[in-house]
C-alpha atoms as a PDB file:
ATOM      1  CA  MET A   1      84.423 174.958  30.491  1.00  0.00           C
ATOM      2  CA  LEU A   2      85.846 172.196  32.813  1.00  0.00           C
ATOM      3  CA  LYS A   3      86.725 172.972  36.147  1.00  0.00           C
ATOM      4  CA  ARG A   4      87.799 171.036  38.792  1.00  0.00           C
ATOM      5  CA  CYS A   5      86.134 170.699  42.548  1.00  0.00           C
ATOM      6  CA  ILE A   6      87.897 171.461  45.846  1.00  0.00           C
ATOM      7  CA  SER A   7      86.571 168.220  47.106  1.00  0.00           C
ATOM      8  CA  CYS A   8      86.560 165.569  45.179  1.00  0.00           C
ATOM      9  CA  GLY A   9      89.021 167.137  42.388  1.00  0.00           C
ATOM     10  CA  ARG A  10      88.101 165.335  39.287  1.00  0.00           C
ATOM     11  CA  ASN A  11      87.349 167.582  36.420  1.00  0.00           C
ATOM     12  CA  THR A  12      83.404 168.505  35.551  1.00  0.00           C
ATOM     13  CA  LYS A  13      81.645 170.307  33.656  1.00  0.00           C
ATOM     14  CA  ASP A  14      78.455 170.804  35.865  1.00  0.00           C
ATOM     15  CA  PHE A  15      79.606 172.447  39.152  1.00  0.00           C
ATOM     16  CA  ALA A  16      78.453 175.286  41.497  1.00  0.00           C
ATOM     17  CA  GLU A  17      80.813 178.727  42.034  1.00  0.00           C
ATOM     18  CA  PHE A  18      81.216 180.636  45.331  1.00  0.00           C
ATOM     19  CA  PRO A  19      83.234 182.584  47.135  1.00  0.00           C
ATOM     20  CA  CYS A  20      84.439 181.439  51.066  1.00  0.00           C
ATOM     21  CA  PRO A  21      82.228 183.292  53.135  1.00  0.00           C
ATOM     22  CA  ASP A  22      85.845 183.506  55.152  1.00  0.00           C
ATOM     23  CA  CYS A  23      88.312 185.202  52.528  1.00  0.00           C
ATOM     24  CA  ALA A  24      85.791 185.991  49.559  1.00  0.00           C
ATOM     25  CA  GLU A  25      88.542 182.787  47.153  1.00  0.00           C
ATOM     26  CA  LYS A  26      85.748 181.708  44.798  1.00  0.00           C
ATOM     27  CA  VAL A  27      85.107 178.283  46.006  1.00  0.00           C
ATOM     28  CA  VAL A  28      84.624 175.028  43.115  1.00  0.00           C
ATOM     29  CA  ARG A  29      82.183 171.740  43.867  1.00  0.00           C
ATOM     30  CA  CYS A  30      81.501 169.720  41.648  1.00  0.00           C
ATOM     31  CA  HIS A  31      77.596 168.480  41.975  1.00  0.00           C
ATOM     32  CA  TYR A  32      78.423 164.744  43.117  1.00  0.00           C
ATOM     33  CA  CYS A  33      80.433 165.850  46.067  1.00  0.00           C
ATOM     34  CA  ARG A  34      78.049 169.003  47.237  1.00  0.00           C
ATOM     35  CA  GLU A  35      74.690 165.841  46.840  1.00  0.00           C
ATOM     36  CA  ASN A  36      76.870 164.310  49.530  1.00  0.00           C
ATOM     37  CA  ARG A  37      77.541 166.991  51.413  1.00  0.00           C
ATOM     38  CA  ASN A  38      81.510 166.323  50.596  1.00  0.00           C
ATOM     39  CA  LYS A  39      83.666 168.214  52.509  1.00  0.00           C
ATOM     40  CA  TYR A  40      86.126 171.236  52.086  1.00  0.00           C
ATOM     41  CA  SER A  41      88.032 173.298  52.750  1.00  0.00           C
ATOM     42  CA  CYS A  42      89.985 176.113  50.975  1.00  0.00           C
ATOM     43  CA  ALA A  43      93.608 177.781  51.376  1.00  0.00           C
ATOM     44  CA  CYS A  44      92.291 180.328  54.246  1.00  0.00           C
ATOM     45  CA  GLY A  45      91.683 177.019  56.153  1.00  0.00           C
ATOM     46  CA  PHE A  46      87.827 177.938  56.357  1.00  0.00           C
ATOM     47  CA  ALA A  47      86.051 173.877  56.947  1.00  0.00           C
ATOM     48  CA  GLY A  48      82.859 173.459  55.192  1.00  0.00           C
ATOM     49  CA  PRO A  49      80.440 170.575  54.831  1.00  0.00           C
END
């Protein structure tokens, strides 16, 4: 199953999926972006490392 990373936009099989701390919408981040602490922003406006 492929999912699109919210940080870089790549489709990946190696990802983490978790709820946004503000709105609980699912956030998907690839292994690379998580390791490098690339920023992401949810549709609700929450931004994280």
